[in-house]
Amino acid sequence: VLALKRSDSDRSVSSNGDKSAGQGRISEAGPAGAAQNKVSSVEALQTGLKKRFDSVYDAYVFFDINGDWNLTIVELRLMLKSLAVEVPDIDYAFRALDGDSKSTQDGAIDPKEFTSIL
């Protein structure tokens, strides 16, 4: 049982790709705002999760749709949309969670990586 601060119905995303099942807007900025968006992307993710979950563990379990203990960019995007959490640069936030350097980035976020930054 997850300790969500919002109802479990927020997790539903239409299987046919209907975006109305949790519209989260992703804002984009030009080159001038790119550096700020990178910092604010991680902060937006942290703030959004703190408002909706009692623990980082609960958030990770919620986001890991297939339960394989490896959170992918697809899972992150789907769950952020279903929760209506706006993150300026989801790709940057994902890379920030997926290890500190290119050599440790494997394209999936494990629980240790997730909890270390959040």
PDB file of N, CA and C in Angstrom:
ATOM      1  N   VAL A   1       0.853  -1.174   0.000  1.00  0.00           N
ATOM      2  CA  VAL A   1       0.000   0.000   0.000  1.00  0.00           C
ATOM      3  C   VAL A   1       0.896   1.233   0.000  1.00  0.00           C
ATOM      4  N   LEU A   2       0.674   2.089  -0.952  1.00  0.00           N
ATOM      5  CA  LEU A   2       1.446   3.315  -1.049  1.00  0.00           C
ATOM      6  C   LEU A   2       0.829   4.401  -0.195  1.00  0.00           C
ATOM      7  N   ALA A   3       1.647   5.216   0.388  1.00  0.00           N
ATOM      8  CA  ALA A   3       1.171   6.313   1.208  1.00  0.00           C
ATOM      9  C   ALA A   3       1.159   7.579   0.368  1.00  0.00           C
ATOM     10  N   LEU A   4       0.210   7.689  -0.504  1.00  0.00           N
ATOM     11  CA  LEU A   4       0.093   8.843  -1.377  1.00  0.00           C
ATOM     12  C   LEU A   4      -0.705   9.948  -0.701  1.00  0.00           C
ATOM     13  N   LYS A   5      -0.339  11.145  -0.970  1.00  0.00           N
ATOM     14  CA  LYS A   5      -1.090  12.270  -0.456  1.00  0.00           C
ATOM     15  C   LYS A   5      -2.238  12.629  -1.389  1.00  0.00           C
ATOM     16  N   ARG A   6      -2.196  12.096  -2.616  1.00  0.00           N
ATOM     17  CA  ARG A   6      -3.277  12.302  -3.563  1.00  0.00           C
ATOM     18  C   ARG A   6      -3.913  10.960  -3.816  1.00  0.00           C
ATOM     19  N   SER A   7      -5.067  10.956  -4.387  1.00  0.00           N
ATOM     20  CA  SER A   7      -5.773   9.699  -4.602  1.00  0.00           C
ATOM     21  C   SER A   7      -5.064   8.832  -5.624  1.00  0.00           C
ATOM     22  N   ASP A   8      -5.221   7.513  -5.507  1.00  0.00           N
ATOM     23  CA  ASP A   8      -4.611   6.574  -6.436  1.00  0.00           C
ATOM     24  C   ASP A   8      -5.132   6.753  -7.848  1.00  0.00           C
ATOM     25  N   SER A   9      -6.273   7.380  -8.002  1.00  0.00           N
ATOM     26  CA  SER A   9      -6.815   7.598  -9.341  1.00  0.00           C
ATOM     27  C   SER A   9      -5.936   8.541 -10.149  1.00  0.00           C
ATOM     28  N   ASP A  10      -5.066   9.332  -9.480  1.00  0.00           N
ATOM     29  CA  ASP A  10      -4.158  10.229 -10.177  1.00  0.00           C
ATOM     30  C   ASP A  10      -3.138   9.461 -11.007  1.00  0.00           C
ATOM     31  N   ARG A  11      -2.914   8.194 -10.684  1.00  0.00           N
ATOM     32  CA  ARG A  11      -1.917   7.402 -11.377  1.00  0.00           C
ATOM     33  C   ARG A  11      -2.402   6.924 -12.742  1.00  0.00           C
ATOM     34  N   SER A  12      -3.694   6.959 -12.973  1.00  0.00           N
ATOM     35  CA  SER A  12      -4.212   6.399 -14.215  1.00  0.00           C
ATOM     36  C   SER A  12      -3.807   7.228 -15.422  1.00  0.00           C
ATOM     37  N   VAL A  13      -3.338   6.531 -16.422  1.00  0.00           N
ATOM     38  CA  VAL A  13      -3.004   7.137 -17.698  1.00  0.00           C
ATOM     39  C   VAL A  13      -3.660   6.272 -18.747  1.00  0.00           C
ATOM     40  N   SER A  14      -4.334   6.877 -19.656  1.00  0.00           N
ATOM     41  CA  SER A  14      -5.056   6.137 -20.672  1.00  0.00           C
ATOM     42  C   SER A  14      -4.112   5.279 -21.500  1.00  0.00           C
ATOM     43  N   SER A  15      -4.470   4.030 -21.719  1.00  0.00           N
ATOM     44  CA  SER A  15      -3.626   3.125 -22.482  1.00  0.00           C
ATOM     45  C   SER A  15      -3.611   3.465 -23.963  1.00  0.00           C
ATOM     46  N   ASN A  16      -4.573   4.249 -24.410  1.00  0.00           N
ATOM     47  CA  ASN A  16      -4.590   4.607 -25.828  1.00  0.00           C
ATOM     48  C   ASN A  16      -3.828   5.899 -26.104  1.00  0.00           C
ATOM     49  N   GLY A  17      -3.103   6.406 -25.090  1.00  0.00           N
ATOM     50  CA  GLY A  17      -2.289   7.594 -25.279  1.00  0.00           C
ATOM     51  C   GLY A  17      -3.038   8.893 -25.090  1.00  0.00           C
ATOM     52  N   ASP A  18      -4.260   8.836 -24.593  1.00  0.00           N
ATOM     53  CA  ASP A  18      -5.052  10.043 -24.372  1.00  0.00           C
ATOM     54  C   ASP A  18      -4.365  10.901 -23.325  1.00  0.00           C
ATOM     55  N   LYS A  19      -3.943  12.069 -23.708  1.00  0.00           N
ATOM     56  CA  LYS A  19      -3.217  12.938 -22.798  1.00  0.00           C
ATOM     57  C   LYS A  19      -4.112  13.612 -21.771  1.00  0.00           C
ATOM     58  N   SER A  20      -5.395  13.492 -21.891  1.00  0.00           N
ATOM     59  CA  SER A  20      -6.294  14.137 -20.935  1.00  0.00           C
ATOM     60  C   SER A  20      -6.286  13.426 -19.594  1.00  0.00           C
ATOM     61  N   ALA A  21      -5.649  12.270 -19.502  1.00  0.00           N
ATOM     62  CA  ALA A  21      -5.642  11.496 -18.268  1.00  0.00           C
ATOM     63  C   ALA A  21      -4.602  11.998 -17.294  1.00  0.00           C
ATOM     64  N   GLY A  22      -4.168  13.202 -17.369  1.00  0.00           N
ATOM     65  CA  GLY A  22      -3.198  13.757 -16.447  1.00  0.00           C
ATOM     66  C   GLY A  22      -2.286  14.713 -17.180  1.00  0.00           C
ATOM     67  N   GLN A  23      -2.826  15.828 -17.577  1.00  0.00           N
ATOM     68  CA  GLN A  23      -2.042  16.732 -18.387  1.00  0.00           C
ATOM     69  C   GLN A  23      -1.062  17.504 -17.539  1.00  0.00           C
ATOM     70  N   GLY A  24       0.216  17.216 -17.718  1.00  0.00           N
ATOM     71  CA  GLY A  24       1.275  17.977 -17.095  1.00  0.00           C
ATOM     72  C   GLY A  24       1.983  18.722 -18.192  1.00  0.00           C
ATOM     73  N   ARG A  25       2.114  19.994 -18.037  1.00  0.00           N
ATOM     74  CA  ARG A  25       2.769  20.767 -19.076  1.00  0.00           C
ATOM     75  C   ARG A  25       4.274  20.760 -18.853  1.00  0.00           C
ATOM     76  N   ILE A  26       4.999  20.672 -19.923  1.00  0.00           N
ATOM     77  CA  ILE A  26       6.449  20.724 -19.870  1.00  0.00           C
ATOM     78  C   ILE A  26       6.848  22.000 -20.583  1.00  0.00           C
ATOM     79  N   SER A  27       7.418  22.924 -19.829  1.00  0.00           N
ATOM     80  CA  SER A  27       7.796  24.187 -20.436  1.00  0.00           C
ATOM     81  C   SER A  27       9.201  24.085 -21.013  1.00  0.00           C
ATOM     82  N   GLU A  28       9.448  24.850 -22.037  1.00  0.00           N
ATOM     83  CA  GLU A  28      10.758  24.869 -22.664  1.00  0.00           C
ATOM     84  C   GLU A  28      11.235  26.306 -22.716  1.00  0.00           C
ATOM     85  N   ALA A  29      12.521  26.476 -22.575  1.00  0.00           N
ATOM     86  CA  ALA A  29      13.085  27.818 -22.618  1.00  0.00           C
ATOM     87  C   ALA A  29      14.161  27.875 -23.688  1.00  0.00           C
ATOM     88  N   GLY A  30      14.435  29.065 -24.156  1.00  0.00           N
ATOM     89  CA  GLY A  30      15.493  29.253 -25.137  1.00  0.00           C
ATOM     90  C   GLY A  30      16.851  29.149 -24.468  1.00  0.00           C
ATOM     91  N   PRO A  31      17.907  29.394 -25.219  1.00  0.00           N
ATOM     92  CA  PRO A  31      19.264  29.268 -24.691  1.00  0.00           C
ATOM     93  C   PRO A  31      19.527  30.119 -23.454  1.00  0.00           C
ATOM     94  N   ALA A  32      18.929  31.295 -23.383  1.00  0.00           N
ATOM     95  CA  ALA A  32      19.172  32.182 -22.245  1.00  0.00           C
ATOM     96  C   ALA A  32      18.678  31.592 -20.940  1.00  0.00           C
ATOM     97  N   GLY A  33      17.580  30.860 -20.990  1.00  0.00           N
ATOM     98  CA  GLY A  33      17.033  30.290 -19.763  1.00  0.00           C
ATOM     99  C   GLY A  33      17.411  28.842 -19.533  1.00  0.00           C
ATOM    100  N   ALA A  34      18.268  28.289 -20.373  1.00  0.00           N
ATOM    101  CA  ALA A  34      18.606  26.866 -20.291  1.00  0.00           C
ATOM    102  C   ALA A  34      19.287  26.502 -18.972  1.00  0.00           C
ATOM    103  N   ALA A  35      20.249  27.285 -18.534  1.00  0.00           N
ATOM    104  CA  ALA A  35      20.960  26.976 -17.285  1.00  0.00           C
ATOM    105  C   ALA A  35      20.008  27.022 -16.091  1.00  0.00           C
ATOM    106  N   GLN A  36      19.148  28.031 -16.053  1.00  0.00           N
ATOM    107  CA  GLN A  36      18.183  28.137 -14.966  1.00  0.00           C
ATOM    108  C   GLN A  36      17.204  26.971 -14.984  1.00  0.00           C
ATOM    109  N   ASN A  37      16.770  26.573 -16.175  1.00  0.00           N
ATOM    110  CA  ASN A  37      15.833  25.452 -16.288  1.00  0.00           C
ATOM    111  C   ASN A  37      16.441  24.157 -15.778  1.00  0.00           C
ATOM    112  N   LYS A  38      17.741  23.966 -15.956  1.00  0.00           N
ATOM    113  CA  LYS A  38      18.391  22.744 -15.488  1.00  0.00           C
ATOM    114  C   LYS A  38      18.337  22.664 -13.974  1.00  0.00           C
ATOM    115  N   VAL A  39      18.663  23.743 -13.304  1.00  0.00           N
ATOM    116  CA  VAL A  39      18.600  23.766 -11.846  1.00  0.00           C
ATOM    117  C   VAL A  39      17.155  23.660 -11.392  1.00  0.00           C
ATOM    118  N   SER A  40      16.278  24.417 -12.010  1.00  0.00           N
ATOM    119  CA  SER A  40      14.889  24.408 -11.585  1.00  0.00           C
ATOM    120  C   SER A  40      14.191  23.092 -11.917  1.00  0.00           C
ATOM    121  N   SER A  41      14.709  22.332 -12.874  1.00  0.00           N
ATOM    122  CA  SER A  41      14.112  21.043 -13.216  1.00  0.00           C
ATOM    123  C   SER A  41      14.205  20.073 -12.057  1.00  0.00           C
ATOM    124  N   VAL A  42      15.375  19.971 -11.462  1.00  0.00           N
ATOM    125  CA  VAL A  42      15.555  19.079 -10.318  1.00  0.00           C
ATOM    126  C   VAL A  42      14.762  19.610  -9.127  1.00  0.00           C
ATOM    127  N   GLU A  43      14.788  20.921  -8.908  1.00  0.00           N
ATOM    128  CA  GLU A  43      14.032  21.521  -7.811  1.00  0.00           C
ATOM    129  C   GLU A  43      12.535  21.305  -7.989  1.00  0.00           C
ATOM    130  N   ALA A  44      12.039  21.440  -9.218  1.00  0.00           N
ATOM    131  CA  ALA A  44      10.612  21.230  -9.491  1.00  0.00           C
ATOM    132  C   ALA A  44      10.218  19.785  -9.214  1.00  0.00           C
ATOM    133  N   LEU A  45      11.093  18.858  -9.585  1.00  0.00           N
ATOM    134  CA  LEU A  45      10.840  17.445  -9.311  1.00  0.00           C
ATOM    135  C   LEU A  45      10.809  17.196  -7.812  1.00  0.00           C
ATOM    136  N   GLN A  46      11.784  17.729  -7.088  1.00  0.00           N
ATOM    137  CA  GLN A  46      11.833  17.562  -5.637  1.00  0.00           C
ATOM    138  C   GLN A  46      10.585  18.125  -4.972  1.00  0.00           C
ATOM    139  N   THR A  47      10.210  19.336  -5.332  1.00  0.00           N
ATOM    140  CA  THR A  47       9.041  19.987  -4.742  1.00  0.00           C
ATOM    141  C   THR A  47       7.762  19.237  -5.063  1.00  0.00           C
ATOM    142  N   GLY A  48       7.602  18.845  -6.320  1.00  0.00           N
ATOM    143  CA  GLY A  48       6.399  18.125  -6.727  1.00  0.00           C
ATOM    144  C   GLY A  48       6.231  16.810  -5.993  1.00  0.00           C
ATOM    145  N   LEU A  49       7.328  16.102  -5.781  1.00  0.00           N
ATOM    146  CA  LEU A  49       7.247  14.812  -5.092  1.00  0.00           C
ATOM    147  C   LEU A  49       7.005  14.988  -3.599  1.00  0.00           C
ATOM    148  N   LYS A  50       7.631  15.995  -2.998  1.00  0.00           N
ATOM    149  CA  LYS A  50       7.429  16.244  -1.565  1.00  0.00           C
ATOM    150  C   LYS A  50       5.972  16.579  -1.251  1.00  0.00           C
ATOM    151  N   LYS A  51       5.307  17.259  -2.175  1.00  0.00           N
ATOM    152  CA  LYS A  51       3.906  17.633  -1.969  1.00  0.00           C
ATOM    153  C   LYS A  51       2.969  16.429  -2.064  1.00  0.00           C
ATOM    154  N   ARG A  52       3.381  15.392  -2.807  1.00  0.00           N
ATOM    155  CA  ARG A  52       2.472  14.297  -3.122  1.00  0.00           C
ATOM    156  C   ARG A  52       2.771  12.977  -2.427  1.00  0.00           C
ATOM    157  N   PHE A  53       3.978  12.824  -1.882  1.00  0.00           N
ATOM    158  CA  PHE A  53       4.353  11.552  -1.282  1.00  0.00           C
ATOM    159  C   PHE A  53       4.899  11.754   0.127  1.00  0.00           C
ATOM    160  N   ASP A  54       4.660  10.747   0.972  1.00  0.00           N
ATOM    161  CA  ASP A  54       5.154  10.802   2.334  1.00  0.00           C
ATOM    162  C   ASP A  54       6.630  10.440   2.428  1.00  0.00           C
ATOM    163  N   SER A  55       7.154   9.700   1.449  1.00  0.00           N
ATOM    164  CA  SER A  55       8.563   9.332   1.461  1.00  0.00           C
ATOM    165  C   SER A  55       9.077   9.190   0.032  1.00  0.00           C
ATOM    166  N   VAL A  56      10.392   9.271  -0.104  1.00  0.00           N
ATOM    167  CA  VAL A  56      11.017   9.095  -1.403  1.00  0.00           C
ATOM    168  C   VAL A  56      10.785   7.666  -1.895  1.00  0.00           C
ATOM    169  N   TYR A  57      10.799   6.714  -0.980  1.00  0.00           N
ATOM    170  CA  TYR A  57      10.545   5.318  -1.335  1.00  0.00           C
ATOM    171  C   TYR A  57       9.157   5.170  -1.971  1.00  0.00           C
ATOM    172  N   ASP A  58       8.155   5.758  -1.350  1.00  0.00           N
ATOM    173  CA  ASP A  58       6.792   5.690  -1.894  1.00  0.00           C
ATOM    174  C   ASP A  58       6.738   6.288  -3.302  1.00  0.00           C
ATOM    175  N   ALA A  59       7.440   7.392  -3.510  1.00  0.00           N
ATOM    176  CA  ALA A  59       7.467   8.017  -4.825  1.00  0.00           C
ATOM    177  C   ALA A  59       8.125   7.084  -5.839  1.00  0.00           C
ATOM    178  N   TYR A  60       9.229   6.459  -5.459  1.00  0.00           N
ATOM    179  CA  TYR A  60       9.929   5.564  -6.386  1.00  0.00           C
ATOM    180  C   TYR A  60       9.043   4.385  -6.783  1.00  0.00           C
ATOM    181  N   VAL A  61       8.404   3.769  -5.814  1.00  0.00           N
ATOM    182  CA  VAL A  61       7.530   2.628  -6.101  1.00  0.00           C
ATOM    183  C   VAL A  61       6.394   3.059  -7.026  1.00  0.00           C
ATOM    184  N   PHE A  62       5.851   4.227  -6.809  1.00  0.00           N
ATOM    185  CA  PHE A  62       4.775   4.751  -7.646  1.00  0.00           C
ATOM    186  C   PHE A  62       5.252   4.950  -9.086  1.00  0.00           C
ATOM    187  N   PHE A  63       6.434   5.523  -9.250  1.00  0.00           N
ATOM    188  CA  PHE A  63       6.957   5.825 -10.581  1.00  0.00           C
ATOM    189  C   PHE A  63       7.410   4.581 -11.328  1.00  0.00           C
ATOM    190  N   ASP A  64       7.851   3.562 -10.630  1.00  0.00           N
ATOM    191  CA  ASP A  64       8.356   2.331 -11.260  1.00  0.00           C
ATOM    192  C   ASP A  64       7.178   1.465 -11.692  1.00  0.00           C
ATOM    193  N   ILE A  65       6.581   1.799 -12.809  1.00  0.00           N
ATOM    194  CA  ILE A  65       5.341   1.192 -13.287  1.00  0.00           C
ATOM    195  C   ILE A  65       5.435  -0.327 -13.395  1.00  0.00           C
ATOM    196  N   ASN A  66       6.512  -0.822 -13.999  1.00  0.00           N
ATOM    197  CA  ASN A  66       6.595  -2.273 -14.209  1.00  0.00           C
ATOM    198  C   ASN A  66       7.229  -3.028 -13.043  1.00  0.00           C
ATOM    199  N   GLY A  67       7.654  -2.334 -12.007  1.00  0.00           N
ATOM    200  CA  GLY A  67       8.152  -2.981 -10.798  1.00  0.00           C
ATOM    201  C   GLY A  67       9.503  -3.660 -10.929  1.00  0.00           C
ATOM    202  N   ASP A  68      10.314  -3.245 -11.897  1.00  0.00           N
ATOM    203  CA  ASP A  68      11.612  -3.892 -12.090  1.00  0.00           C
ATOM    204  C   ASP A  68      12.755  -3.207 -11.329  1.00  0.00           C
ATOM    205  N   TRP A  69      12.471  -2.211 -10.531  1.00  0.00           N
ATOM    206  CA  TRP A  69      13.429  -1.446  -9.727  1.00  0.00           C
ATOM    207  C   TRP A  69      14.420  -0.680 -10.602  1.00  0.00           C
ATOM    208  N   ASN A  70      14.003  -0.358 -11.805  1.00  0.00           N
ATOM    209  CA  ASN A  70      14.762   0.498 -12.710  1.00  0.00           C
ATOM    210  C   ASN A  70      13.788   1.470 -13.342  1.00  0.00           C
ATOM    211  N   LEU A  71      13.864   2.712 -12.929  1.00  0.00           N
ATOM    212  CA  LEU A  71      12.959   3.747 -13.418  1.00  0.00           C
ATOM    213  C   LEU A  71      13.493   4.303 -14.736  1.00  0.00           C
ATOM    214  N   THR A  72      12.668   4.253 -15.783  1.00  0.00           N
ATOM    215  CA  THR A  72      13.082   4.743 -17.098  1.00  0.00           C
ATOM    216  C   THR A  72      12.523   6.143 -17.340  1.00  0.00           C
ATOM    217  N   ILE A  73      13.024   6.790 -18.372  1.00  0.00           N
ATOM    218  CA  ILE A  73      12.538   8.118 -18.741  1.00  0.00           C
ATOM    219  C   ILE A  73      11.064   8.055 -19.124  1.00  0.00           C
ATOM    220  N   VAL A  74      10.650   6.962 -19.742  1.00  0.00           N
ATOM    221  CA  VAL A  74       9.242   6.808 -20.134  1.00  0.00           C
ATOM    222  C   VAL A  74       8.363   6.756 -18.879  1.00  0.00           C
ATOM    223  N   GLU A  75       8.773   5.977 -17.882  1.00  0.00           N
ATOM    224  CA  GLU A  75       8.000   5.897 -16.639  1.00  0.00           C
ATOM    225  C   GLU A  75       7.958   7.255 -15.945  1.00  0.00           C
ATOM    226  N   LEU A  76       9.089   7.942 -15.910  1.00  0.00           N
ATOM    227  CA  LEU A  76       9.143   9.256 -15.269  1.00  0.00           C
ATOM    228  C   LEU A  76       8.195  10.231 -15.962  1.00  0.00           C
ATOM    229  N   ARG A  77       8.233  10.274 -17.289  1.00  0.00           N
ATOM    230  CA  ARG A  77       7.345  11.179 -18.036  1.00  0.00           C
ATOM    231  C   ARG A  77       5.867  10.860 -17.785  1.00  0.00           C
ATOM    232  N   LEU A  78       5.508   9.583 -17.869  1.00  0.00           N
ATOM    233  CA  LEU A  78       4.104   9.195 -17.665  1.00  0.00           C
ATOM    234  C   LEU A  78       3.604   9.570 -16.276  1.00  0.00           C
ATOM    235  N   MET A  79       4.386   9.296 -15.276  1.00  0.00           N
ATOM    236  CA  MET A  79       3.930   9.554 -13.911  1.00  0.00           C
ATOM    237  C   MET A  79       3.912  11.053 -13.597  1.00  0.00           C
ATOM    238  N   LEU A  80       4.863  11.807 -14.119  1.00  0.00           N
ATOM    239  CA  LEU A  80       4.827  13.258 -13.912  1.00  0.00           C
ATOM    240  C   LEU A  80       3.592  13.860 -14.564  1.00  0.00           C
ATOM    241  N   LYS A  81       3.251  13.372 -15.760  1.00  0.00           N
ATOM    242  CA  LYS A  81       2.037  13.855 -16.415  1.00  0.00           C
ATOM    243  C   LYS A  81       0.800  13.475 -15.617  1.00  0.00           C
ATOM    244  N   SER A  82       0.752  12.238 -15.117  1.00  0.00           N
ATOM    245  CA  SER A  82      -0.433  11.802 -14.380  1.00  0.00           C
ATOM    246  C   SER A  82      -0.607  12.578 -13.078  1.00  0.00           C
ATOM    247  N   LEU A  83       0.497  13.066 -12.508  1.00  0.00           N
ATOM    248  CA  LEU A  83       0.428  13.856 -11.276  1.00  0.00           C
ATOM    249  C   LEU A  83       0.345  15.357 -11.548  1.00  0.00           C
ATOM    250  N   ALA A  84       0.434  15.738 -12.816  1.00  0.00           N
ATOM    251  CA  ALA A  84       0.432  17.150 -13.226  1.00  0.00           C
ATOM    252  C   ALA A  84       1.574  17.922 -12.573  1.00  0.00           C
ATOM    253  N   VAL A  85       2.755  17.289 -12.530  1.00  0.00           N
ATOM    254  CA  VAL A  85       3.957  17.942 -12.012  1.00  0.00           C
ATOM    255  C   VAL A  85       4.707  18.524 -13.202  1.00  0.00           C
ATOM    256  N   GLU A  86       4.932  19.821 -13.166  1.00  0.00           N
ATOM    257  CA  GLU A  86       5.634  20.494 -14.247  1.00  0.00           C
ATOM    258  C   GLU A  86       7.129  20.509 -13.953  1.00  0.00           C
ATOM    259  N   VAL A  87       7.909  19.988 -14.881  1.00  0.00           N
ATOM    260  CA  VAL A  87       9.365  19.994 -14.781  1.00  0.00           C
ATOM    261  C   VAL A  87       9.883  20.632 -16.065  1.00  0.00           C
ATOM    262  N   PRO A  88      10.606  21.760 -15.966  1.00  0.00           N
ATOM    263  CA  PRO A  88      11.037  22.479 -17.165  1.00  0.00           C
ATOM    264  C   PRO A  88      11.838  21.625 -18.151  1.00  0.00           C
ATOM    265  N   ASP A  89      12.725  20.775 -17.662  1.00  0.00           N
ATOM    266  CA  ASP A  89      13.553  19.939 -18.544  1.00  0.00           C
ATOM    267  C   ASP A  89      13.627  18.536 -17.948  1.00  0.00           C
ATOM    268  N   ILE A  90      12.671  17.688 -18.319  1.00  0.00           N
ATOM    269  CA  ILE A  90      12.593  16.337 -17.767  1.00  0.00           C
ATOM    270  C   ILE A  90      13.846  15.536 -18.112  1.00  0.00           C
ATOM    271  N   ASP A  91      14.366  15.709 -19.321  1.00  0.00           N
ATOM    272  CA  ASP A  91      15.564  14.968 -19.722  1.00  0.00           C
ATOM    273  C   ASP A  91      16.747  15.296 -18.814  1.00  0.00           C
ATOM    274  N   TYR A  92      16.917  16.574 -18.484  1.00  0.00           N
ATOM    275  CA  TYR A  92      18.007  16.961 -17.590  1.00  0.00           C
ATOM    276  C   TYR A  92      17.796  16.374 -16.200  1.00  0.00           C
ATOM    277  N   ALA A  93      16.581  16.473 -15.681  1.00  0.00           N
ATOM    278  CA  ALA A  93      16.295  15.928 -14.351  1.00  0.00           C
ATOM    279  C   ALA A  93      16.576  14.427 -14.321  1.00  0.00           C
ATOM    280  N   PHE A  94      16.207  13.722 -15.384  1.00  0.00           N
ATOM    281  CA  PHE A  94      16.460  12.283 -15.457  1.00  0.00           C
ATOM    282  C   PHE A  94      17.962  11.998 -15.436  1.00  0.00           C
ATOM    283  N   ARG A  95      18.727  12.742 -16.250  1.00  0.00           N
ATOM    284  CA  ARG A  95      20.182  12.533 -16.273  1.00  0.00           C
ATOM    285  C   ARG A  95      20.806  12.850 -14.921  1.00  0.00           C
ATOM    286  N   ALA A  96      20.287  13.867 -14.232  1.00  0.00           N
ATOM    287  CA  ALA A  96      20.810  14.215 -12.917  1.00  0.00           C
ATOM    288  C   ALA A  96      20.577  13.076 -11.912  1.00  0.00           C
ATOM    289  N   LEU A  97      19.440  12.415 -12.027  1.00  0.00           N
ATOM    290  CA  LEU A  97      19.140  11.299 -11.142  1.00  0.00           C
ATOM    291  C   LEU A  97      19.907  10.036 -11.542  1.00  0.00           C
ATOM    292  N   ASP A  98      20.235   9.896 -12.809  1.00  0.00           N
ATOM    293  CA  ASP A  98      20.875   8.690 -13.339  1.00  0.00           C
ATOM    294  C   ASP A  98      22.392   8.772 -13.266  1.00  0.00           C
ATOM    295  N   GLY A  99      22.932   9.059 -12.122  1.00  0.00           N
ATOM    296  CA  GLY A  99      24.381   9.056 -11.941  1.00  0.00           C
ATOM    297  C   GLY A  99      25.006  10.418 -12.137  1.00  0.00           C
ATOM    298  N   ASP A 100      26.205  10.542 -11.580  1.00  0.00           N
ATOM    299  CA  ASP A 100      26.911  11.820 -11.595  1.00  0.00           C
ATOM    300  C   ASP A 100      27.722  12.073 -12.856  1.00  0.00           C
ATOM    301  N   SER A 101      28.040  11.011 -13.587  1.00  0.00           N
ATOM    302  CA  SER A 101      28.849  11.197 -14.788  1.00  0.00           C
ATOM    303  C   SER A 101      28.334  10.304 -15.905  1.00  0.00           C
ATOM    304  N   LYS A 102      28.794  10.577 -17.095  1.00  0.00           N
ATOM    305  CA  LYS A 102      28.375   9.772 -18.248  1.00  0.00           C
ATOM    306  C   LYS A 102      28.689   8.296 -18.040  1.00  0.00           C
ATOM    307  N   SER A 103      29.792   7.990 -17.348  1.00  0.00           N
ATOM    308  CA  SER A 103      30.192   6.593 -17.169  1.00  0.00           C
ATOM    309  C   SER A 103      29.253   5.830 -16.245  1.00  0.00           C
ATOM    310  N   THR A 104      28.539   6.532 -15.365  1.00  0.00           N
ATOM    311  CA  THR A 104      27.621   5.842 -14.456  1.00  0.00           C
ATOM    312  C   THR A 104      26.178   5.917 -14.924  1.00  0.00           C
ATOM    313  N   GLN A 105      25.915   6.623 -16.006  1.00  0.00           N
ATOM    314  CA  GLN A 105      24.554   6.719 -16.520  1.00  0.00           C
ATOM    315  C   GLN A 105      24.241   5.484 -17.350  1.00  0.00           C
ATOM    316  N   ASP A 106      23.217   4.737 -16.936  1.00  0.00           N
ATOM    317  CA  ASP A 106      22.865   3.507 -17.643  1.00  0.00           C
ATOM    318  C   ASP A 106      21.473   3.567 -18.272  1.00  0.00           C
ATOM    319  N   GLY A 107      20.825   4.726 -18.232  1.00  0.00           N
ATOM    320  CA  GLY A 107      19.509   4.866 -18.841  1.00  0.00           C
ATOM    321  C   GLY A 107      18.368   4.448 -17.942  1.00  0.00           C
ATOM    322  N   ALA A 108      18.678   4.131 -16.697  1.00  0.00           N
ATOM    323  CA  ALA A 108      17.649   3.761 -15.721  1.00  0.00           C
ATOM    324  C   ALA A 108      18.071   4.274 -14.348  1.00  0.00           C
ATOM    325  N   ILE A 109      17.093   4.651 -13.554  1.00  0.00           N
ATOM    326  CA  ILE A 109      17.362   5.169 -12.214  1.00  0.00           C
ATOM    327  C   ILE A 109      17.027   4.076 -11.208  1.00  0.00           C
ATOM    328  N   ASP A 110      18.019   3.668 -10.434  1.00  0.00           N
ATOM    329  CA  ASP A 110      17.758   2.670  -9.404  1.00  0.00           C
ATOM    330  C   ASP A 110      17.375   3.398  -8.110  1.00  0.00           C
ATOM    331  N   PRO A 111      16.877   2.681  -7.118  1.00  0.00           N
ATOM    332  CA  PRO A 111      16.415   3.348  -5.885  1.00  0.00           C
ATOM    333  C   PRO A 111      17.507   4.186  -5.208  1.00  0.00           C
ATOM    334  N   LYS A 112      18.755   3.726  -5.221  1.00  0.00           N
ATOM    335  CA  LYS A 112      19.832   4.480  -4.579  1.00  0.00           C
ATOM    336  C   LYS A 112      20.043   5.816  -5.264  1.00  0.00           C
ATOM    337  N   GLU A 113      20.051   5.830  -6.593  1.00  0.00           N
ATOM    338  CA  GLU A 113      20.209   7.081  -7.341  1.00  0.00           C
ATOM    339  C   GLU A 113      19.033   8.015  -7.068  1.00  0.00           C
ATOM    340  N   PHE A 114      17.843   7.475  -7.042  1.00  0.00           N
ATOM    341  CA  PHE A 114      16.628   8.270  -6.830  1.00  0.00           C
ATOM    342  C   PHE A 114      16.653   8.954  -5.461  1.00  0.00           C
ATOM    343  N   THR A 115      16.998   8.187  -4.429  1.00  0.00           N
ATOM    344  CA  THR A 115      16.980   8.738  -3.069  1.00  0.00           C
ATOM    345  C   THR A 115      18.151   9.670  -2.796  1.00  0.00           C
ATOM    346  N   SER A 116      19.265   9.500  -3.517  1.00  0.00           N
ATOM    347  CA  SER A 116      20.449  10.327  -3.230  1.00  0.00           C
ATOM    348  C   SER A 116      20.227  11.792  -3.594  1.00  0.00           C
ATOM    349  N   ILE A 117      19.440  12.077  -4.599  1.00  0.00           N
ATOM    350  CA  ILE A 117      19.243  13.467  -5.015  1.00  0.00           C
ATOM    351  C   ILE A 117      17.925  14.049  -4.480  1.00  0.00           C
ATOM    352  N   LEU A 118      16.987  13.185  -4.164  1.00  0.00           N
ATOM    353  CA  LEU A 118      15.705  13.668  -3.675  1.00  0.00           C
ATOM    354  C   LEU A 118      15.657  13.534  -2.178  1.00  0.00           C
TER     355      LEU A 118
END
